[in-house]
Amino acid sequence: MVSEAQKEATKKYRAENPLKKTYWDRKGQARGFINVNLKKSTKLSQAINENRLQYIDDLKELHSDIEQRLKDLQQ
């Protein structure tokens, strides 16, 4: 359980660091798409389970995009 003081400190930190918050939010969204629990009954898991082949293709495409991005950034 998180104390009220910790919640307020977190809220204040996020308000004072909006770019970090944006970064963390986007990173979490990407991970949420990649690491979704397909056994849970959520809209996303249902959509993926109904379109599993498309999901696999999309993960492969994301993998390729990530590899290319790493190459670009390391040059």
PDB file of N, CA and C in Angstrom:
ATOM      1  N   MET A   1       0.838  -1.180   0.000  1.00  0.00           N
ATOM      2  CA  MET A   1       0.000   0.000   0.000  1.00  0.00           C
ATOM      3  C   MET A   1       0.886   1.248   0.000  1.00  0.00           C
ATOM      4  N   VAL A   2       0.479   2.216  -0.778  1.00  0.00           N
ATOM      5  CA  VAL A   2       1.252   3.440  -0.926  1.00  0.00           C
ATOM      6  C   VAL A   2       0.643   4.524  -0.037  1.00  0.00           C
ATOM      7  N   SER A   3       1.500   5.201   0.705  1.00  0.00           N
ATOM      8  CA  SER A   3       1.024   6.251   1.606  1.00  0.00           C
ATOM      9  C   SER A   3       0.576   7.479   0.816  1.00  0.00           C
ATOM     10  N   GLU A   4      -0.226   8.290   1.453  1.00  0.00           N
ATOM     11  CA  GLU A   4      -0.682   9.536   0.821  1.00  0.00           C
ATOM     12  C   GLU A   4       0.505  10.455   0.523  1.00  0.00           C
ATOM     13  N   ALA A   5       1.487  10.468   1.418  1.00  0.00           N
ATOM     14  CA  ALA A   5       2.674  11.301   1.206  1.00  0.00           C
ATOM     15  C   ALA A   5       3.422  10.854  -0.053  1.00  0.00           C
ATOM     16  N   GLN A   6       3.526   9.535  -0.234  1.00  0.00           N
ATOM     17  CA  GLN A   6       4.211   9.019  -1.417  1.00  0.00           C
ATOM     18  C   GLN A   6       3.422   9.357  -2.674  1.00  0.00           C
ATOM     19  N   LYS A   7       2.109   9.238  -2.623  1.00  0.00           N
ATOM     20  CA  LYS A   7       1.271   9.582  -3.769  1.00  0.00           C
ATOM     21  C   LYS A   7       1.448  11.053  -4.148  1.00  0.00           C
ATOM     22  N   GLU A   8       1.477  11.919  -3.149  1.00  0.00           N
ATOM     23  CA  GLU A   8       1.661  13.353  -3.400  1.00  0.00           C
ATOM     24  C   GLU A   8       3.045  13.643  -3.956  1.00  0.00           C
ATOM     25  N   ALA A   9       4.058  12.964  -3.423  1.00  0.00           N
ATOM     26  CA  ALA A   9       5.420  13.160  -3.921  1.00  0.00           C
ATOM     27  C   ALA A   9       5.526  12.713  -5.381  1.00  0.00           C
ATOM     28  N   THR A  10       4.892  11.601  -5.702  1.00  0.00           N
ATOM     29  CA  THR A  10       4.894  11.106  -7.077  1.00  0.00           C
ATOM     30  C   THR A  10       4.177  12.086  -8.000  1.00  0.00           C
ATOM     31  N   LYS A  11       3.027  12.564  -7.560  1.00  0.00           N
ATOM     32  CA  LYS A  11       2.251  13.525  -8.361  1.00  0.00           C
ATOM     33  C   LYS A  11       3.065  14.794  -8.610  1.00  0.00           C
ATOM     34  N   LYS A  12       3.732  15.291  -7.564  1.00  0.00           N
ATOM     35  CA  LYS A  12       4.549  16.496  -7.686  1.00  0.00           C
ATOM     36  C   LYS A  12       5.718  16.259  -8.648  1.00  0.00           C
ATOM     37  N   TYR A  13       6.392  15.115  -8.509  1.00  0.00           N
ATOM     38  CA  TYR A  13       7.531  14.803  -9.377  1.00  0.00           C
ATOM     39  C   TYR A  13       7.089  14.761 -10.839  1.00  0.00           C
ATOM     40  N   ARG A  14       5.968  14.103 -11.097  1.00  0.00           N
ATOM     41  CA  ARG A  14       5.471  14.000 -12.467  1.00  0.00           C
ATOM     42  C   ARG A  14       5.095  15.368 -13.028  1.00  0.00           C
ATOM     43  N   ALA A  15       4.517  16.213 -12.177  1.00  0.00           N
ATOM     44  CA  ALA A  15       4.148  17.565 -12.617  1.00  0.00           C
ATOM     45  C   ALA A  15       5.389  18.393 -12.941  1.00  0.00           C
ATOM     46  N   GLU A  16       6.460  18.172 -12.197  1.00  0.00           N
ATOM     47  CA  GLU A  16       7.693  18.927 -12.396  1.00  0.00           C
ATOM     48  C   GLU A  16       8.571  18.346 -13.506  1.00  0.00           C
ATOM     49  N   ASN A  17       8.257  17.142 -13.960  1.00  0.00           N
ATOM     50  CA  ASN A  17       9.059  16.464 -14.984  1.00  0.00           C
ATOM     51  C   ASN A  17       8.164  15.903 -16.088  1.00  0.00           C
ATOM     52  N   PRO A  18       7.469  16.771 -16.809  1.00  0.00           N
ATOM     53  CA  PRO A  18       6.499  16.287 -17.795  1.00  0.00           C
ATOM     54  C   PRO A  18       7.116  15.486 -18.946  1.00  0.00           C
ATOM     55  N   LEU A  19       8.344  15.804 -19.321  1.00  0.00           N
ATOM     56  CA  LEU A  19       8.964  15.048 -20.406  1.00  0.00           C
ATOM     57  C   LEU A  19       9.287  13.615 -19.978  1.00  0.00           C
ATOM     58  N   LYS A  20       9.741  13.457 -18.750  1.00  0.00           N
ATOM     59  CA  LYS A  20       9.990  12.109 -18.242  1.00  0.00           C
ATOM     60  C   LYS A  20       8.687  11.331 -18.145  1.00  0.00           C
ATOM     61  N   LYS A  21       7.624  12.001 -17.692  1.00  0.00           N
ATOM     62  CA  LYS A  21       6.324  11.345 -17.591  1.00  0.00           C
ATOM     63  C   LYS A  21       5.851  10.883 -18.969  1.00  0.00           C
ATOM     64  N   THR A  22       5.999  11.734 -19.964  1.00  0.00           N
ATOM     65  CA  THR A  22       5.617  11.370 -21.326  1.00  0.00           C
ATOM     66  C   THR A  22       6.420  10.166 -21.802  1.00  0.00           C
ATOM     67  N   TYR A  23       7.712  10.200 -21.548  1.00  0.00           N
ATOM     68  CA  TYR A  23       8.592   9.099 -21.944  1.00  0.00           C
ATOM     69  C   TYR A  23       8.149   7.793 -21.286  1.00  0.00           C
ATOM     70  N   TRP A  24       7.946   7.829 -19.961  1.00  0.00           N
ATOM     71  CA  TRP A  24       7.546   6.617 -19.233  1.00  0.00           C
ATOM     72  C   TRP A  24       6.186   6.112 -19.678  1.00  0.00           C
ATOM     73  N   ASP A  25       5.262   7.025 -19.946  1.00  0.00           N
ATOM     74  CA  ASP A  25       3.927   6.629 -20.406  1.00  0.00           C
ATOM     75  C   ASP A  25       4.013   5.887 -21.735  1.00  0.00           C
ATOM     76  N   ARG A  26       4.769   6.451 -22.667  1.00  0.00           N
ATOM     77  CA  ARG A  26       4.893   5.816 -23.983  1.00  0.00           C
ATOM     78  C   ARG A  26       5.608   4.476 -23.904  1.00  0.00           C
ATOM     79  N   LYS A  27       6.628   4.410 -23.070  1.00  0.00           N
ATOM     80  CA  LYS A  27       7.353   3.157 -22.887  1.00  0.00           C
ATOM     81  C   LYS A  27       6.416   2.100 -22.310  1.00  0.00           C
ATOM     82  N   GLY A  28       5.608   2.492 -21.358  1.00  0.00           N
ATOM     83  CA  GLY A  28       4.652   1.568 -20.757  1.00  0.00           C
ATOM     84  C   GLY A  28       3.607   1.096 -21.747  1.00  0.00           C
ATOM     85  N   GLN A  29       3.163   1.988 -22.619  1.00  0.00           N
ATOM     86  CA  GLN A  29       2.189   1.610 -23.635  1.00  0.00           C
ATOM     87  C   GLN A  29       2.774   0.569 -24.592  1.00  0.00           C
ATOM     88  N   ALA A  30       4.011   0.790 -24.994  1.00  0.00           N
ATOM     89  CA  ALA A  30       4.664  -0.160 -25.897  1.00  0.00           C
ATOM     90  C   ALA A  30       4.816  -1.519 -25.228  1.00  0.00           C
ATOM     91  N   ARG A  31       5.280  -1.513 -24.003  1.00  0.00           N
ATOM     92  CA  ARG A  31       5.436  -2.778 -23.276  1.00  0.00           C
ATOM     93  C   ARG A  31       4.099  -3.458 -23.035  1.00  0.00           C
ATOM     94  N   GLY A  32       3.077  -2.660 -22.772  1.00  0.00           N
ATOM     95  CA  GLY A  32       1.745  -3.222 -22.567  1.00  0.00           C
ATOM     96  C   GLY A  32       1.227  -3.948 -23.794  1.00  0.00           C
ATOM     97  N   PHE A  33       1.534  -3.425 -24.973  1.00  0.00           N
ATOM     98  CA  PHE A  33       1.136  -4.073 -26.221  1.00  0.00           C
ATOM     99  C   PHE A  33       1.935  -5.355 -26.449  1.00  0.00           C
ATOM    100  N   ILE A  34       3.213  -5.300 -26.145  1.00  0.00           N
ATOM    101  CA  ILE A  34       4.087  -6.447 -26.382  1.00  0.00           C
ATOM    102  C   ILE A  34       3.855  -7.556 -25.360  1.00  0.00           C
ATOM    103  N   ASN A  35       3.722  -7.192 -24.095  1.00  0.00           N
ATOM    104  CA  ASN A  35       3.668  -8.178 -23.013  1.00  0.00           C
ATOM    105  C   ASN A  35       2.270  -8.450 -22.476  1.00  0.00           C
ATOM    106  N   VAL A  36       1.243  -8.177 -23.262  1.00  0.00           N
ATOM    107  CA  VAL A  36      -0.132  -8.363 -22.802  1.00  0.00           C
ATOM    108  C   VAL A  36      -0.379  -9.825 -22.409  1.00  0.00           C
ATOM    109  N   ASN A  37      -1.105 -10.016 -21.319  1.00  0.00           N
ATOM    110  CA  ASN A  37      -1.475 -11.354 -20.866  1.00  0.00           C
ATOM    111  C   ASN A  37      -2.669 -11.813 -21.693  1.00  0.00           C
ATOM    112  N   LEU A  38      -2.450 -12.756 -22.571  1.00  0.00           N
ATOM    113  CA  LEU A  38      -3.495 -13.198 -23.492  1.00  0.00           C
ATOM    114  C   LEU A  38      -4.514 -14.118 -22.840  1.00  0.00           C
ATOM    115  N   LYS A  39      -4.286 -14.485 -21.588  1.00  0.00           N
ATOM    116  CA  LYS A  39      -5.252 -15.327 -20.871  1.00  0.00           C
ATOM    117  C   LYS A  39      -6.273 -14.504 -20.099  1.00  0.00           C
ATOM    118  N   LYS A  40      -5.965 -13.220 -19.891  1.00  0.00           N
ATOM    119  CA  LYS A  40      -6.911 -12.337 -19.216  1.00  0.00           C
ATOM    120  C   LYS A  40      -7.976 -11.893 -20.200  1.00  0.00           C
ATOM    121  N   SER A  41      -9.130 -11.574 -19.685  1.00  0.00           N
ATOM    122  CA  SER A  41     -10.243 -11.149 -20.540  1.00  0.00           C
ATOM    123  C   SER A  41     -10.285  -9.625 -20.601  1.00  0.00           C
ATOM    124  N   THR A  42      -9.409  -9.057 -21.424  1.00  0.00           N
ATOM    125  CA  THR A  42      -9.405  -7.620 -21.651  1.00  0.00           C
ATOM    126  C   THR A  42      -9.708  -7.372 -23.122  1.00  0.00           C
ATOM    127  N   LYS A  43     -10.060  -6.149 -23.442  1.00  0.00           N
ATOM    128  CA  LYS A  43     -10.333  -5.834 -24.848  1.00  0.00           C
ATOM    129  C   LYS A  43      -9.107  -6.102 -25.717  1.00  0.00           C
ATOM    130  N   LEU A  44      -7.942  -5.725 -25.217  1.00  0.00           N
ATOM    131  CA  LEU A  44      -6.727  -5.925 -25.998  1.00  0.00           C
ATOM    132  C   LEU A  44      -6.446  -7.407 -26.204  1.00  0.00           C
ATOM    133  N   SER A  45      -6.530  -8.204 -25.142  1.00  0.00           N
ATOM    134  CA  SER A  45      -6.247  -9.639 -25.295  1.00  0.00           C
ATOM    135  C   SER A  45      -7.268 -10.298 -26.214  1.00  0.00           C
ATOM    136  N   GLN A  46      -8.511  -9.884 -26.134  1.00  0.00           N
ATOM    137  CA  GLN A  46      -9.532 -10.437 -27.027  1.00  0.00           C
ATOM    138  C   GLN A  46      -9.234 -10.059 -28.477  1.00  0.00           C
ATOM    139  N   ALA A  47      -8.864  -8.803 -28.700  1.00  0.00           N
ATOM    140  CA  ALA A  47      -8.550  -8.352 -30.059  1.00  0.00           C
ATOM    141  C   ALA A  47      -7.348  -9.117 -30.612  1.00  0.00           C
ATOM    142  N   ILE A  48      -6.339  -9.327 -29.786  1.00  0.00           N
ATOM    143  CA  ILE A  48      -5.143 -10.055 -30.230  1.00  0.00           C
ATOM    144  C   ILE A  48      -5.478 -11.508 -30.512  1.00  0.00           C
ATOM    145  N   ASN A  49      -6.242 -12.131 -29.614  1.00  0.00           N
ATOM    146  CA  ASN A  49      -6.589 -13.539 -29.804  1.00  0.00           C
ATOM    147  C   ASN A  49      -7.432 -13.756 -31.060  1.00  0.00           C
ATOM    148  N   GLU A  50      -8.232 -12.776 -31.431  1.00  0.00           N
ATOM    149  CA  GLU A  50      -9.028 -12.883 -32.653  1.00  0.00           C
ATOM    150  C   GLU A  50      -8.198 -12.580 -33.906  1.00  0.00           C
ATOM    151  N   ASN A  51      -7.063 -11.959 -33.720  1.00  0.00           N
ATOM    152  CA  ASN A  51      -6.201 -11.573 -34.846  1.00  0.00           C
ATOM    153  C   ASN A  51      -4.759 -11.995 -34.580  1.00  0.00           C
ATOM    154  N   ARG A  52      -4.591 -13.209 -34.127  1.00  0.00           N
ATOM    155  CA  ARG A  52      -3.273 -13.668 -33.675  1.00  0.00           C
ATOM    156  C   ARG A  52      -2.201 -13.576 -34.763  1.00  0.00           C
ATOM    157  N   LEU A  53      -2.521 -13.956 -35.976  1.00  0.00           N
ATOM    158  CA  LEU A  53      -1.523 -13.896 -37.055  1.00  0.00           C
ATOM    159  C   LEU A  53      -1.103 -12.460 -37.335  1.00  0.00           C
ATOM    160  N   GLN A  54      -2.051 -11.540 -37.298  1.00  0.00           N
ATOM    161  CA  GLN A  54      -1.730 -10.124 -37.494  1.00  0.00           C
ATOM    162  C   GLN A  54      -0.844  -9.626 -36.353  1.00  0.00           C
ATOM    163  N   TYR A  55      -1.151 -10.056 -35.127  1.00  0.00           N
ATOM    164  CA  TYR A  55      -0.364  -9.667 -33.952  1.00  0.00           C
ATOM    165  C   TYR A  55       1.081 -10.152 -34.099  1.00  0.00           C
ATOM    166  N   ILE A  56       1.246 -11.380 -34.550  1.00  0.00           N
ATOM    167  CA  ILE A  56       2.586 -11.928 -34.750  1.00  0.00           C
ATOM    168  C   ILE A  56       3.329 -11.106 -35.799  1.00  0.00           C
ATOM    169  N   ASP A  57       2.651 -10.796 -36.890  1.00  0.00           N
ATOM    170  CA  ASP A  57       3.277  -9.964 -37.931  1.00  0.00           C
ATOM    171  C   ASP A  57       3.638  -8.582 -37.395  1.00  0.00           C
ATOM    172  N   ASP A  58       2.753  -8.010 -36.582  1.00  0.00           N
ATOM    173  CA  ASP A  58       3.028  -6.687 -36.014  1.00  0.00           C
ATOM    174  C   ASP A  58       4.219  -6.720 -35.065  1.00  0.00           C
ATOM    175  N   LEU A  59       4.339  -7.783 -34.265  1.00  0.00           N
ATOM    176  CA  LEU A  59       5.495  -7.902 -33.368  1.00  0.00           C
ATOM    177  C   LEU A  59       6.787  -8.031 -34.166  1.00  0.00           C
ATOM    178  N   LYS A  60       6.735  -8.791 -35.261  1.00  0.00           N
ATOM    179  CA  LYS A  60       7.920  -8.913 -36.117  1.00  0.00           C
ATOM    180  C   LYS A  60       8.296  -7.563 -36.715  1.00  0.00           C
ATOM    181  N   GLU A  61       7.285  -6.811 -37.132  1.00  0.00           N
ATOM    182  CA  GLU A  61       7.539  -5.487 -37.703  1.00  0.00           C
ATOM    183  C   GLU A  61       8.136  -4.552 -36.646  1.00  0.00           C
ATOM    184  N   LEU A  62       7.588  -4.590 -35.438  1.00  0.00           N
ATOM    185  CA  LEU A  62       8.134  -3.772 -34.357  1.00  0.00           C
ATOM    186  C   LEU A  62       9.572  -4.169 -34.059  1.00  0.00           C
ATOM    187  N   HIS A  63       9.849  -5.460 -34.067  1.00  0.00           N
ATOM    188  CA  HIS A  63      11.208  -5.945 -33.825  1.00  0.00           C
ATOM    189  C   HIS A  63      12.169  -5.381 -34.866  1.00  0.00           C
ATOM    190  N   SER A  64      11.745  -5.438 -36.101  1.00  0.00           N
ATOM    191  CA  SER A  64      12.567  -4.900 -37.189  1.00  0.00           C
ATOM    192  C   SER A  64      12.765  -3.390 -37.028  1.00  0.00           C
ATOM    193  N   ASP A  65      11.699  -2.695 -36.684  1.00  0.00           N
ATOM    194  CA  ASP A  65      11.789  -1.243 -36.474  1.00  0.00           C
ATOM    195  C   ASP A  65      12.752  -0.907 -35.336  1.00  0.00           C
ATOM    196  N   ILE A  66      12.704  -1.688 -34.278  1.00  0.00           N
ATOM    197  CA  ILE A  66      13.591  -1.462 -33.133  1.00  0.00           C
ATOM    198  C   ILE A  66      15.041  -1.713 -33.529  1.00  0.00           C
ATOM    199  N   GLU A  67      15.291  -2.790 -34.249  1.00  0.00           N
ATOM    200  CA  GLU A  67      16.649  -3.088 -34.710  1.00  0.00           C
ATOM    201  C   GLU A  67      17.181  -1.953 -35.591  1.00  0.00           C
ATOM    202  N   GLN A  68      16.354  -1.454 -36.479  1.00  0.00           N
ATOM    203  CA  GLN A  68      16.778  -0.359 -37.359  1.00  0.00           C
ATOM    204  C   GLN A  68      17.038   0.905 -36.560  1.00  0.00           C
ATOM    205  N   ARG A  69      16.183   1.185 -35.604  1.00  0.00           N
ATOM    206  CA  ARG A  69      16.338   2.386 -34.782  1.00  0.00           C
ATOM    207  C   ARG A  69      17.642   2.318 -33.987  1.00  0.00           C
ATOM    208  N   LEU A  70      17.951   1.145 -33.442  1.00  0.00           N
ATOM    209  CA  LEU A  70      19.208   0.975 -32.701  1.00  0.00           C
ATOM    210  C   LEU A  70      20.412   1.227 -33.607  1.00  0.00           C
ATOM    211  N   LYS A  71      20.359   0.706 -34.823  1.00  0.00           N
ATOM    212  CA  LYS A  71      21.454   0.920 -35.773  1.00  0.00           C
ATOM    213  C   LYS A  71      21.599   2.417 -36.065  1.00  0.00           C
ATOM    214  N   ASP A  72      20.481   3.086 -36.303  1.00  0.00           N
ATOM    215  CA  ASP A  72      20.514   4.519 -36.608  1.00  0.00           C
ATOM    216  C   ASP A  72      21.099   5.333 -35.458  1.00  0.00           C
ATOM    217  N   LEU A  73      20.721   4.991 -34.243  1.00  0.00           N
ATOM    218  CA  LEU A  73      21.184   5.747 -33.079  1.00  0.00           C
ATOM    219  C   LEU A  73      22.638   5.483 -32.731  1.00  0.00           C
ATOM    220  N   GLN A  74      23.133   4.327 -33.101  1.00  0.00           N
ATOM    221  CA  GLN A  74      24.513   3.964 -32.754  1.00  0.00           C
ATOM    222  C   GLN A  74      25.522   4.440 -33.783  1.00  0.00           C
ATOM    223  N   GLN A  75      25.071   5.058 -34.845  1.00  0.00           N
ATOM    224  CA  GLN A  75      26.000   5.560 -35.870  1.00  0.00           C
ATOM    225  C   GLN A  75      26.523   6.916 -35.500  1.00  0.00           C
TER     226      GLN A  75
END
